[in-house]
Structures are given as structure tokens and as C-alpha cells.
Amino acid sequence: MVSALVRAAVRRPAAAAASSARRSMSGDAAHAAEEMAKWKKMTAGMGVLSLAVTTLVLATEEHHHRDEDAPIPSYMKIRNKPHPWNCADCTLLDSACFAKCKAEREG
């Protein structure tokens, strides 16, 4: 008898908590699905619009390239100390500078 009373006392708050856990907001699942579909379409549309604007800007933008034969401005070749390889004035991936340096050493 006592165990039945204890079980009933434990079950009542659990049942009350389960019934009060229901969301008490306006609208229903159908309305929520419509809103979700609307926002998915809006997000996809804005993504396409952003991609189109970015493509348009990149396509119409002028690209300025430095003339390879022109001398390099002084601010682009600042050396605080020499590089640790044979041609100390050449940057690591500048193959033309390495070829010129090698030709000067041999010639």
C-alpha cells in the first residue's frame, strides 16, 4: 500500500511536467512548414543574387598587371638581411632572378 502511494506521488509530477512541456505558441505545424519553405526560398534567392552580383563585378573589373620589363619599385624589394641561399638578392620562387644570377656568376 505504501509503495503504491509512493509510486502515485512520483508519477503525478512527471505527468504534469510532460503536459506542461508542450509549446504554447500561436500557429501550428502547417504554418511552421510554410514559413520554413518561404525562408528557404528567400535564402536560395539571395545566394543566387549574391553570386550574380559578384560575377558581374569580377567580370567588369579592370585587371592591372605590372610590366615585367619595368624596374621594380624600391618599396617592393626591401632587404633587411640577405637571403640564406647563393643568390641572396633573389626571392625563393623567382626563377628568372636565379637564372640571371647564375649567368652573372658563370660569365
PDB file of N, CA and C in Angstrom:
ATOM      1  N   MET A   1       0.810  -1.188   0.000  1.00  0.00           N
ATOM      2  CA  MET A   1       0.000   0.000   0.000  1.00  0.00           C
ATOM      3  C   MET A   1       0.861   1.262   0.000  1.00  0.00           C
ATOM      4  N   VAL A   2       1.882   1.255   0.823  1.00  0.00           N
ATOM      5  CA  VAL A   2       2.765   2.420   0.902  1.00  0.00           C
ATOM      6  C   VAL A   2       3.518   2.606  -0.429  1.00  0.00           C
ATOM      7  N   SER A   3       3.966   1.508  -0.992  1.00  0.00           N
ATOM      8  CA  SER A   3       4.688   1.612  -2.262  1.00  0.00           C
ATOM      9  C   SER A   3       3.785   2.133  -3.369  1.00  0.00           C
ATOM     10  N   ALA A   4       2.506   1.796  -3.356  1.00  0.00           N
ATOM     11  CA  ALA A   4       1.562   2.303  -4.351  1.00  0.00           C
ATOM     12  C   ALA A   4       1.386   3.806  -4.188  1.00  0.00           C
ATOM     13  N   LEU A   5       1.337   4.299  -2.956  1.00  0.00           N
ATOM     14  CA  LEU A   5       1.213   5.733  -2.714  1.00  0.00           C
ATOM     15  C   LEU A   5       2.473   6.484  -3.173  1.00  0.00           C
ATOM     16  N   VAL A   6       3.629   5.875  -2.938  1.00  0.00           N
ATOM     17  CA  VAL A   6       4.900   6.498  -3.356  1.00  0.00           C
ATOM     18  C   VAL A   6       4.964   6.573  -4.882  1.00  0.00           C
ATOM     19  N   ARG A   7       4.597   5.469  -5.529  1.00  0.00           N
ATOM     20  CA  ARG A   7       4.602   5.456  -6.994  1.00  0.00           C
ATOM     21  C   ARG A   7       3.641   6.501  -7.555  1.00  0.00           C
ATOM     22  N   ALA A   8       2.479   6.634  -6.990  1.00  0.00           N
ATOM     23  CA  ALA A   8       1.496   7.619  -7.451  1.00  0.00           C
ATOM     24  C   ALA A   8       2.029   9.037  -7.239  1.00  0.00           C
ATOM     25  N   ALA A   9       2.702   9.262  -6.128  1.00  0.00           N
ATOM     26  CA  ALA A   9       3.253  10.588  -5.847  1.00  0.00           C
ATOM     27  C   ALA A   9       4.372  10.943  -6.833  1.00  0.00           C
ATOM     28  N   VAL A  10       5.121   9.943  -7.246  1.00  0.00           N
ATOM     29  CA  VAL A  10       6.213  10.188  -8.202  1.00  0.00           C
ATOM     30  C   VAL A  10       5.658  10.400  -9.606  1.00  0.00           C
ATOM     31  N   ARG A  11       4.603   9.678  -9.946  1.00  0.00           N
ATOM     32  CA  ARG A  11       4.043   9.765 -11.299  1.00  0.00           C
ATOM     33  C   ARG A  11       3.314  11.072 -11.549  1.00  0.00           C
ATOM     34  N   ARG A  12       2.639  11.628 -10.565  1.00  0.00           N
ATOM     35  CA  ARG A  12       1.861  12.855 -10.781  1.00  0.00           C
ATOM     36  C   ARG A  12       2.729  14.030 -11.241  1.00  0.00           C
ATOM     37  N   PRO A  13       3.843  14.353 -10.578  1.00  0.00           N
ATOM     38  CA  PRO A  13       4.665  15.480 -11.072  1.00  0.00           C
ATOM     39  C   PRO A  13       5.263  15.198 -12.450  1.00  0.00           C
ATOM     40  N   ALA A  14       5.609  13.936 -12.737  1.00  0.00           N
ATOM     41  CA  ALA A  14       6.162  13.608 -14.048  1.00  0.00           C
ATOM     42  C   ALA A  14       5.123  13.814 -15.127  1.00  0.00           C
ATOM     43  N   ALA A  15       3.885  13.420 -14.882  1.00  0.00           N
ATOM     44  CA  ALA A  15       2.817  13.609 -15.857  1.00  0.00           C
ATOM     45  C   ALA A  15       2.513  15.087 -16.038  1.00  0.00           C
ATOM     46  N   ALA A  16       2.541  15.845 -14.973  1.00  0.00           N
ATOM     47  CA  ALA A  16       2.278  17.286 -15.058  1.00  0.00           C
ATOM     48  C   ALA A  16       3.388  17.985 -15.837  1.00  0.00           C
ATOM     49  N   ALA A  17       4.623  17.560 -15.628  1.00  0.00           N
ATOM     50  CA  ALA A  17       5.748  18.154 -16.358  1.00  0.00           C
ATOM     51  C   ALA A  17       5.662  17.827 -17.833  1.00  0.00           C
ATOM     52  N   ALA A  18       5.224  16.611 -18.175  1.00  0.00           N
ATOM     53  CA  ALA A  18       5.111  16.217 -19.575  1.00  0.00           C
ATOM     54  C   ALA A  18       4.026  17.019 -20.278  1.00  0.00           C
ATOM     55  N   SER A  19       2.909  17.279 -19.611  1.00  0.00           N
ATOM     56  CA  SER A  19       1.828  18.029 -20.251  1.00  0.00           C
ATOM     57  C   SER A  19       2.175  19.517 -20.355  1.00  0.00           C
ATOM     58  N   SER A  20       2.957  20.058 -19.428  1.00  0.00           N
ATOM     59  CA  SER A  20       3.319  21.471 -19.488  1.00  0.00           C
ATOM     60  C   SER A  20       4.518  21.712 -20.399  1.00  0.00           C
ATOM     61  N   ALA A  21       5.160  20.655 -20.888  1.00  0.00           N
ATOM     62  CA  ALA A  21       6.301  20.815 -21.775  1.00  0.00           C
ATOM     63  C   ALA A  21       5.861  21.148 -23.197  1.00  0.00           C
ATOM     64  N   ARG A  22       4.577  21.077 -23.454  1.00  0.00           N
ATOM     65  CA  ARG A  22       4.056  21.392 -24.770  1.00  0.00           C
ATOM     66  C   ARG A  22       4.232  22.884 -25.038  1.00  0.00           C
ATOM     67  N   ARG A  23       4.596  23.226 -26.273  1.00  0.00           N
ATOM     68  CA  ARG A  23       4.801  24.624 -26.627  1.00  0.00           C
ATOM     69  C   ARG A  23       3.457  25.318 -26.754  1.00  0.00           C
ATOM     70  N   SER A  24       3.318  26.438 -26.117  1.00  0.00           N
ATOM     71  CA  SER A  24       2.055  27.175 -26.164  1.00  0.00           C
ATOM     72  C   SER A  24       2.238  28.451 -26.976  1.00  0.00           C
ATOM     73  N   MET A  25       2.615  28.280 -28.249  1.00  0.00           N
ATOM     74  CA  MET A  25       2.787  29.426 -29.135  1.00  0.00           C
ATOM     75  C   MET A  25       1.666  29.420 -30.161  1.00  0.00           C
ATOM     76  N   SER A  26       1.466  30.565 -30.801  1.00  0.00           N
ATOM     77  CA  SER A  26       0.435  30.608 -31.825  1.00  0.00           C
ATOM     78  C   SER A  26       0.942  29.906 -33.076  1.00  0.00           C
ATOM     79  N   GLY A  27       0.033  29.447 -33.910  1.00  0.00           N
ATOM     80  CA  GLY A  27       0.397  28.748 -35.125  1.00  0.00           C
ATOM     81  C   GLY A  27       0.432  27.262 -34.896  1.00  0.00           C
ATOM     82  N   ASP A  28       0.590  26.551 -35.988  1.00  0.00           N
ATOM     83  CA  ASP A  28       0.636  25.100 -35.902  1.00  0.00           C
ATOM     84  C   ASP A  28       1.758  24.583 -36.794  1.00  0.00           C
ATOM     85  N   ALA A  29       1.859  23.283 -36.946  1.00  0.00           N
ATOM     86  CA  ALA A  29       2.944  22.686 -37.714  1.00  0.00           C
ATOM     87  C   ALA A  29       2.854  23.049 -39.192  1.00  0.00           C
ATOM     88  N   ALA A  30       1.652  23.178 -39.731  1.00  0.00           N
ATOM     89  CA  ALA A  30       1.493  23.534 -41.141  1.00  0.00           C
ATOM     90  C   ALA A  30       2.008  24.949 -41.394  1.00  0.00           C
ATOM     91  N   HIS A  31       1.678  25.861 -40.484  1.00  0.00           N
ATOM     92  CA  HIS A  31       2.159  27.240 -40.626  1.00  0.00           C
ATOM     93  C   HIS A  31       3.685  27.295 -40.512  1.00  0.00           C
ATOM     94  N   ALA A  32       4.235  26.529 -39.595  1.00  0.00           N
ATOM     95  CA  ALA A  32       5.685  26.499 -39.427  1.00  0.00           C
ATOM     96  C   ALA A  32       6.357  25.956 -40.680  1.00  0.00           C
ATOM     97  N   ALA A  33       5.766  24.936 -41.306  1.00  0.00           N
ATOM     98  CA  ALA A  33       6.332  24.370 -42.537  1.00  0.00           C
ATOM     99  C   ALA A  33       6.281  25.382 -43.670  1.00  0.00           C
ATOM    100  N   GLU A  34       5.172  26.147 -43.766  1.00  0.00           N
ATOM    101  CA  GLU A  34       5.075  27.190 -44.800  1.00  0.00           C
ATOM    102  C   GLU A  34       6.141  28.259 -44.603  1.00  0.00           C
ATOM    103  N   GLU A  35       6.329  28.702 -43.366  1.00  0.00           N
ATOM    104  CA  GLU A  35       7.348  29.717 -43.077  1.00  0.00           C
ATOM    105  C   GLU A  35       8.749  29.203 -43.382  1.00  0.00           C
ATOM    106  N   MET A  36       9.020  27.953 -43.032  1.00  0.00           N
ATOM    107  CA  MET A  36      10.327  27.381 -43.307  1.00  0.00           C
ATOM    108  C   MET A  36      10.577  27.315 -44.814  1.00  0.00           C
ATOM    109  N   ALA A  37       9.574  26.907 -45.578  1.00  0.00           N
ATOM    110  CA  ALA A  37       9.722  26.838 -47.030  1.00  0.00           C
ATOM    111  C   ALA A  37       9.943  28.231 -47.609  1.00  0.00           C
ATOM    112  N   LYS A  38       9.221  29.241 -47.079  1.00  0.00           N
ATOM    113  CA  LYS A  38       9.395  30.614 -47.548  1.00  0.00           C
ATOM    114  C   LYS A  38      10.828  31.097 -47.307  1.00  0.00           C
ATOM    115  N   TRP A  39      11.359  30.847 -46.122  1.00  0.00           N
ATOM    116  CA  TRP A  39      12.703  31.324 -45.801  1.00  0.00           C
ATOM    117  C   TRP A  39      13.771  30.538 -46.549  1.00  0.00           C
ATOM    118  N   LYS A  40      13.520  29.269 -46.844  1.00  0.00           N
ATOM    119  CA  LYS A  40      14.467  28.517 -47.675  1.00  0.00           C
ATOM    120  C   LYS A  40      14.548  29.117 -49.071  1.00  0.00           C
ATOM    121  N   LYS A  41      13.387  29.470 -49.640  1.00  0.00           N
ATOM    122  CA  LYS A  41      13.362  30.084 -50.971  1.00  0.00           C
ATOM    123  C   LYS A  41      14.049  31.442 -50.949  1.00  0.00           C
ATOM    124  N   MET A  42      13.805  32.239 -49.902  1.00  0.00           N
ATOM    125  CA  MET A  42      14.445  33.551 -49.801  1.00  0.00           C
ATOM    126  C   MET A  42      15.963  33.419 -49.682  1.00  0.00           C
ATOM    127  N   THR A  43      16.413  32.460 -48.906  1.00  0.00           N
ATOM    128  CA  THR A  43      17.849  32.252 -48.737  1.00  0.00           C
ATOM    129  C   THR A  43      18.497  31.814 -50.046  1.00  0.00           C
ATOM    130  N   ALA A  44      17.868  30.885 -50.744  1.00  0.00           N
ATOM    131  CA  ALA A  44      18.408  30.426 -52.028  1.00  0.00           C
ATOM    132  C   ALA A  44      18.424  31.574 -53.033  1.00  0.00           C
ATOM    133  N   GLY A  45      17.369  32.383 -53.063  1.00  0.00           N
ATOM    134  CA  GLY A  45      17.315  33.521 -53.982  1.00  0.00           C
ATOM    135  C   GLY A  45      18.406  34.540 -53.693  1.00  0.00           C
ATOM    136  N   MET A  46      18.634  34.830 -52.416  1.00  0.00           N
ATOM    137  CA  MET A  46      19.694  35.782 -52.068  1.00  0.00           C
ATOM    138  C   MET A  46      21.069  35.219 -52.396  1.00  0.00           C
ATOM    139  N   GLY A  47      21.230  33.917 -52.262  1.00  0.00           N
ATOM    140  CA  GLY A  47      22.506  33.299 -52.634  1.00  0.00           C
ATOM    141  C   GLY A  47      22.767  33.437 -54.121  1.00  0.00           C
ATOM    142  N   VAL A  48      21.749  33.184 -54.935  1.00  0.00           N
ATOM    143  CA  VAL A  48      21.891  33.321 -56.389  1.00  0.00           C
ATOM    144  C   VAL A  48      22.152  34.781 -56.754  1.00  0.00           C
ATOM    145  N   LEU A  49      21.430  35.703 -56.119  1.00  0.00           N
ATOM    146  CA  LEU A  49      21.634  37.128 -56.395  1.00  0.00           C
ATOM    147  C   LEU A  49      23.051  37.567 -56.010  1.00  0.00           C
ATOM    148  N   SER A  50      23.539  37.120 -54.869  1.00  0.00           N
ATOM    149  CA  SER A  50      24.903  37.463 -54.438  1.00  0.00           C
ATOM    150  C   SER A  50      25.937  36.916 -55.409  1.00  0.00           C
ATOM    151  N   LEU A  51      25.736  35.697 -55.860  1.00  0.00           N
ATOM    152  CA  LEU A  51      26.655  35.094 -56.825  1.00  0.00           C
ATOM    153  C   LEU A  51      26.632  35.867 -58.133  1.00  0.00           C
ATOM    154  N   ALA A  52      25.458  36.283 -58.594  1.00  0.00           N
ATOM    155  CA  ALA A  52      25.352  37.036 -59.847  1.00  0.00           C
ATOM    156  C   ALA A  52      26.050  38.390 -59.742  1.00  0.00           C
ATOM    157  N   VAL A  53      25.845  39.087 -58.621  1.00  0.00           N
ATOM    158  CA  VAL A  53      26.482  40.400 -58.442  1.00  0.00           C
ATOM    159  C   VAL A  53      27.993  40.250 -58.364  1.00  0.00           C
ATOM    160  N   THR A  54      28.474  39.255 -57.652  1.00  0.00           N
ATOM    161  CA  THR A  54      29.918  39.020 -57.540  1.00  0.00           C
ATOM    162  C   THR A  54      30.518  38.707 -58.902  1.00  0.00           C
ATOM    163  N   THR A  55      29.843  37.871 -59.680  1.00  0.00           N
ATOM    164  CA  THR A  55      30.326  37.526 -61.015  1.00  0.00           C
ATOM    165  C   THR A  55      30.354  38.761 -61.901  1.00  0.00           C
ATOM    166  N   LEU A  56      29.328  39.586 -61.840  1.00  0.00           N
ATOM    167  CA  LEU A  56      29.271  40.809 -62.640  1.00  0.00           C
ATOM    168  C   LEU A  56      30.402  41.760 -62.270  1.00  0.00           C
ATOM    169  N   VAL A  57      30.647  41.946 -60.981  1.00  0.00           N
ATOM    170  CA  VAL A  57      31.713  42.848 -60.536  1.00  0.00           C
ATOM    171  C   VAL A  57      33.074  42.328 -60.993  1.00  0.00           C
ATOM    172  N   LEU A  58      33.322  41.038 -60.836  1.00  0.00           N
ATOM    173  CA  LEU A  58      34.611  40.485 -61.241  1.00  0.00           C
ATOM    174  C   LEU A  58      34.798  40.511 -62.753  1.00  0.00           C
ATOM    175  N   ALA A  59      33.719  40.362 -63.507  1.00  0.00           N
ATOM    176  CA  ALA A  59      33.825  40.370 -64.970  1.00  0.00           C
ATOM    177  C   ALA A  59      34.072  41.765 -65.512  1.00  0.00           C
ATOM    178  N   THR A  60      33.534  42.791 -64.870  1.00  0.00           N
ATOM    179  CA  THR A  60      33.681  44.154 -65.376  1.00  0.00           C
ATOM    180  C   THR A  60      34.869  44.891 -64.777  1.00  0.00           C
ATOM    181  N   GLU A  61      35.515  44.328 -63.796  1.00  0.00           N
ATOM    182  CA  GLU A  61      36.643  44.985 -63.144  1.00  0.00           C
ATOM    183  C   GLU A  61      37.880  44.919 -64.032  1.00  0.00           C
ATOM    184  N   GLU A  62      38.622  46.008 -64.082  1.00  0.00           N
ATOM    185  CA  GLU A  62      39.858  46.021 -64.857  1.00  0.00           C
ATOM    186  C   GLU A  62      40.983  45.407 -64.038  1.00  0.00           C
ATOM    187  N   HIS A  63      41.781  44.615 -64.709  1.00  0.00           N
ATOM    188  CA  HIS A  63      42.920  43.989 -64.045  1.00  0.00           C
ATOM    189  C   HIS A  63      44.189  44.682 -64.511  1.00  0.00           C
ATOM    190  N   HIS A  64      44.923  45.239 -63.564  1.00  0.00           N
ATOM    191  CA  HIS A  64      46.160  45.931 -63.894  1.00  0.00           C
ATOM    192  C   HIS A  64      47.330  45.024 -63.544  1.00  0.00           C
ATOM    193  N   HIS A  65      48.164  44.777 -64.516  1.00  0.00           N
ATOM    194  CA  HIS A  65      49.344  43.956 -64.297  1.00  0.00           C
ATOM    195  C   HIS A  65      50.582  44.823 -64.500  1.00  0.00           C
ATOM    196  N   ARG A  66      51.576  44.570 -63.698  1.00  0.00           N
ATOM    197  CA  ARG A  66      52.820  45.323 -63.804  1.00  0.00           C
ATOM    198  C   ARG A  66      53.592  44.854 -65.032  1.00  0.00           C
ATOM    199  N   ASP A  67      54.211  45.804 -65.729  1.00  0.00           N
ATOM    200  CA  ASP A  67      55.032  45.471 -66.884  1.00  0.00           C
ATOM    201  C   ASP A  67      56.271  44.730 -66.397  1.00  0.00           C
ATOM    202  N   GLU A  68      56.526  43.578 -66.947  1.00  0.00           N
ATOM    203  CA  GLU A  68      57.649  42.747 -66.495  1.00  0.00           C
ATOM    204  C   GLU A  68      59.008  43.392 -66.771  1.00  0.00           C
ATOM    205  N   ASP A  69      59.092  44.212 -67.809  1.00  0.00           N
ATOM    206  CA  ASP A  69      60.372  44.841 -68.159  1.00  0.00           C
ATOM    207  C   ASP A  69      60.648  46.107 -67.354  1.00  0.00           C
ATOM    208  N   ALA A  70      59.645  46.654 -66.723  1.00  0.00           N
ATOM    209  CA  ALA A  70      59.821  47.882 -65.942  1.00  0.00           C
ATOM    210  C   ALA A  70      60.613  47.567 -64.673  1.00  0.00           C
ATOM    211  N   PRO A  71      61.390  48.521 -64.189  1.00  0.00           N
ATOM    212  CA  PRO A  71      62.143  48.273 -62.952  1.00  0.00           C
ATOM    213  C   PRO A  71      61.202  48.119 -61.754  1.00  0.00           C
ATOM    214  N   ILE A  72      61.619  47.305 -60.808  1.00  0.00           N
ATOM    215  CA  ILE A  72      60.816  47.069 -59.610  1.00  0.00           C
ATOM    216  C   ILE A  72      60.953  48.283 -58.697  1.00  0.00           C
ATOM    217  N   PRO A  73      59.827  48.823 -58.218  1.00  0.00           N
ATOM    218  CA  PRO A  73      59.907  49.971 -57.307  1.00  0.00           C
ATOM    219  C   PRO A  73      60.685  49.609 -56.035  1.00  0.00           C
ATOM    220  N   SER A  74      61.299  50.607 -55.437  1.00  0.00           N
ATOM    221  CA  SER A  74      62.159  50.356 -54.278  1.00  0.00           C
ATOM    222  C   SER A  74      61.385  49.775 -53.095  1.00  0.00           C
ATOM    223  N   TYR A  75      60.124  50.124 -52.952  1.00  0.00           N
ATOM    224  CA  TYR A  75      59.363  49.604 -51.812  1.00  0.00           C
ATOM    225  C   TYR A  75      59.029  48.130 -51.962  1.00  0.00           C
ATOM    226  N   MET A  76      59.207  47.558 -53.142  1.00  0.00           N
ATOM    227  CA  MET A  76      58.902  46.142 -53.344  1.00  0.00           C
ATOM    228  C   MET A  76      60.106  45.239 -53.115  1.00  0.00           C
ATOM    229  N   LYS A  77      61.276  45.823 -52.929  1.00  0.00           N
ATOM    230  CA  LYS A  77      62.475  45.000 -52.781  1.00  0.00           C
ATOM    231  C   LYS A  77      63.283  45.451 -51.571  1.00  0.00           C
ATOM    232  N   ILE A  78      62.661  45.452 -50.428  1.00  0.00           N
ATOM    233  CA  ILE A  78      63.326  45.837 -49.189  1.00  0.00           C
ATOM    234  C   ILE A  78      64.016  44.609 -48.611  1.00  0.00           C
ATOM    235  N   ARG A  79      65.300  44.698 -48.321  1.00  0.00           N
ATOM    236  CA  ARG A  79      66.058  43.591 -47.739  1.00  0.00           C
ATOM    237  C   ARG A  79      66.694  44.082 -46.447  1.00  0.00           C
ATOM    238  N   ASN A  80      66.290  43.514 -45.330  1.00  0.00           N
ATOM    239  CA  ASN A  80      66.904  43.847 -44.044  1.00  0.00           C
ATOM    240  C   ASN A  80      68.165  43.028 -43.831  1.00  0.00           C
ATOM    241  N   LYS A  81      68.204  41.847 -44.396  1.00  0.00           N
ATOM    242  CA  LYS A  81      69.390  40.999 -44.350  1.00  0.00           C
ATOM    243  C   LYS A  81      69.339  40.085 -45.575  1.00  0.00           C
ATOM    244  N   PRO A  82      70.474  39.570 -46.027  1.00  0.00           N
ATOM    245  CA  PRO A  82      70.467  38.749 -47.237  1.00  0.00           C
ATOM    246  C   PRO A  82      69.775  37.400 -47.009  1.00  0.00           C
ATOM    247  N   HIS A  83      69.231  36.861 -48.102  1.00  0.00           N
ATOM    248  CA  HIS A  83      68.616  35.532 -48.030  1.00  0.00           C
ATOM    249  C   HIS A  83      69.710  34.487 -47.852  1.00  0.00           C
ATOM    250  N   PRO A  84      69.399  33.329 -47.260  1.00  0.00           N
ATOM    251  CA  PRO A  84      70.442  32.347 -46.948  1.00  0.00           C
ATOM    252  C   PRO A  84      70.849  31.434 -48.105  1.00  0.00           C
ATOM    253  N   TRP A  85      70.560  31.769 -49.347  1.00  0.00           N
ATOM    254  CA  TRP A  85      70.998  30.936 -50.472  1.00  0.00           C
ATOM    255  C   TRP A  85      72.000  31.700 -51.322  1.00  0.00           C
ATOM    256  N   ASN A  86      72.517  31.039 -52.344  1.00  0.00           N
ATOM    257  CA  ASN A  86      73.631  31.591 -53.134  1.00  0.00           C
ATOM    258  C   ASN A  86      73.323  32.971 -53.708  1.00  0.00           C
ATOM    259  N   CYS A  87      72.189  33.135 -54.326  1.00  0.00           N
ATOM    260  CA  CYS A  87      71.807  34.436 -54.883  1.00  0.00           C
ATOM    261  C   CYS A  87      70.980  35.164 -53.830  1.00  0.00           C
ATOM    262  N   ALA A  88      71.616  35.880 -52.964  1.00  0.00           N
ATOM    263  CA  ALA A  88      70.976  36.451 -51.780  1.00  0.00           C
ATOM    264  C   ALA A  88      69.963  37.544 -52.105  1.00  0.00           C
ATOM    265  N   ASP A  89      70.029  38.107 -53.317  1.00  0.00           N
ATOM    266  CA  ASP A  89      69.107  39.175 -53.676  1.00  0.00           C
ATOM    267  C   ASP A  89      67.815  38.636 -54.299  1.00  0.00           C
ATOM    268  N   CYS A  90      67.779  37.356 -54.661  1.00  0.00           N
ATOM    269  CA  CYS A  90      66.603  36.765 -55.305  1.00  0.00           C
ATOM    270  C   CYS A  90      65.657  36.185 -54.262  1.00  0.00           C
ATOM    271  N   THR A  91      64.361  36.348 -54.517  1.00  0.00           N
ATOM    272  CA  THR A  91      63.385  35.707 -53.647  1.00  0.00           C
ATOM    273  C   THR A  91      63.335  34.223 -53.961  1.00  0.00           C
ATOM    274  N   LEU A  92      62.738  33.452 -53.097  1.00  0.00           N
ATOM    275  CA  LEU A  92      62.787  31.997 -53.182  1.00  0.00           C
ATOM    276  C   LEU A  92      62.225  31.439 -54.487  1.00  0.00           C
ATOM    277  N   LEU A  93      61.133  31.966 -55.000  1.00  0.00           N
ATOM    278  CA  LEU A  93      60.484  31.402 -56.184  1.00  0.00           C
ATOM    279  C   LEU A  93      60.699  32.239 -57.441  1.00  0.00           C
ATOM    280  N   ASP A  94      61.656  33.125 -57.450  1.00  0.00           N
ATOM    281  CA  ASP A  94      61.930  33.969 -58.620  1.00  0.00           C
ATOM    282  C   ASP A  94      62.962  33.289 -59.504  1.00  0.00           C
ATOM    283  N   SER A  95      62.501  32.432 -60.425  1.00  0.00           N
ATOM    284  CA  SER A  95      63.418  31.650 -61.264  1.00  0.00           C
ATOM    285  C   SER A  95      64.181  32.527 -62.249  1.00  0.00           C
ATOM    286  N   ALA A  96      63.565  33.608 -62.730  1.00  0.00           N
ATOM    287  CA  ALA A  96      64.264  34.493 -63.660  1.00  0.00           C
ATOM    288  C   ALA A  96      65.454  35.166 -62.970  1.00  0.00           C
ATOM    289  N   CYS A  97      65.280  35.576 -61.734  1.00  0.00           N
ATOM    290  CA  CYS A  97      66.366  36.200 -60.982  1.00  0.00           C
ATOM    291  C   CYS A  97      67.489  35.197 -60.722  1.00  0.00           C
ATOM    292  N   PHE A  98      67.117  33.950 -60.385  1.00  0.00           N
ATOM    293  CA  PHE A  98      68.132  32.916 -60.168  1.00  0.00           C
ATOM    294  C   PHE A  98      68.917  32.628 -61.446  1.00  0.00           C
ATOM    295  N   ALA A  99      68.225  32.583 -62.590  1.00  0.00           N
ATOM    296  CA  ALA A  99      68.905  32.335 -63.869  1.00  0.00           C
ATOM    297  C   ALA A  99      69.861  33.481 -64.186  1.00  0.00           C
ATOM    298  N   LYS A 100      69.425  34.712 -63.950  1.00  0.00           N
ATOM    299  CA  LYS A 100      70.276  35.880 -64.210  1.00  0.00           C
ATOM    300  C   LYS A 100      71.489  35.865 -63.284  1.00  0.00           C
ATOM    301  N   CYS A 101      71.292  35.521 -62.024  1.00  0.00           N
ATOM    302  CA  CYS A 101      72.376  35.469 -61.061  1.00  0.00           C
ATOM    303  C   CYS A 101      73.384  34.384 -61.434  1.00  0.00           C
ATOM    304  N   LYS A 102      72.877  33.237 -61.839  1.00  0.00           N
ATOM    305  CA  LYS A 102      73.731  32.131 -62.237  1.00  0.00           C
ATOM    306  C   LYS A 102      74.545  32.484 -63.481  1.00  0.00           C
ATOM    307  N   ALA A 103      73.919  33.185 -64.444  1.00  0.00           N
ATOM    308  CA  ALA A 103      74.629  33.620 -65.648  1.00  0.00           C
ATOM    309  C   ALA A 103      75.722  34.623 -65.317  1.00  0.00           C
ATOM    310  N   GLU A 104      75.463  35.519 -64.395  1.00  0.00           N
ATOM    311  CA  GLU A 104      76.464  36.511 -63.992  1.00  0.00           C
ATOM    312  C   GLU A 104      77.648  35.829 -63.287  1.00  0.00           C
ATOM    313  N   ARG A 105      77.389  34.795 -62.503  1.00  0.00           N
ATOM    314  CA  ARG A 105      78.474  34.095 -61.812  1.00  0.00           C
ATOM    315  C   ARG A 105      79.331  33.301 -62.784  1.00  0.00           C
ATOM    316  N   GLU A 106      78.706  32.700 -63.795  1.00  0.00           N
ATOM    317  CA  GLU A 106      79.461  31.901 -64.754  1.00  0.00           C
ATOM    318  C   GLU A 106      80.188  32.774 -65.761  1.00  0.00           C
ATOM    319  N   GLY A 107      79.617  33.913 -66.086  1.00  0.00           N
ATOM    320  CA  GLY A 107      80.168  34.733 -67.166  1.00  0.00           C
ATOM    321  C   GLY A 107      81.126  35.744 -66.742  1.00  0.00           C
TER     322      GLY A 107
END
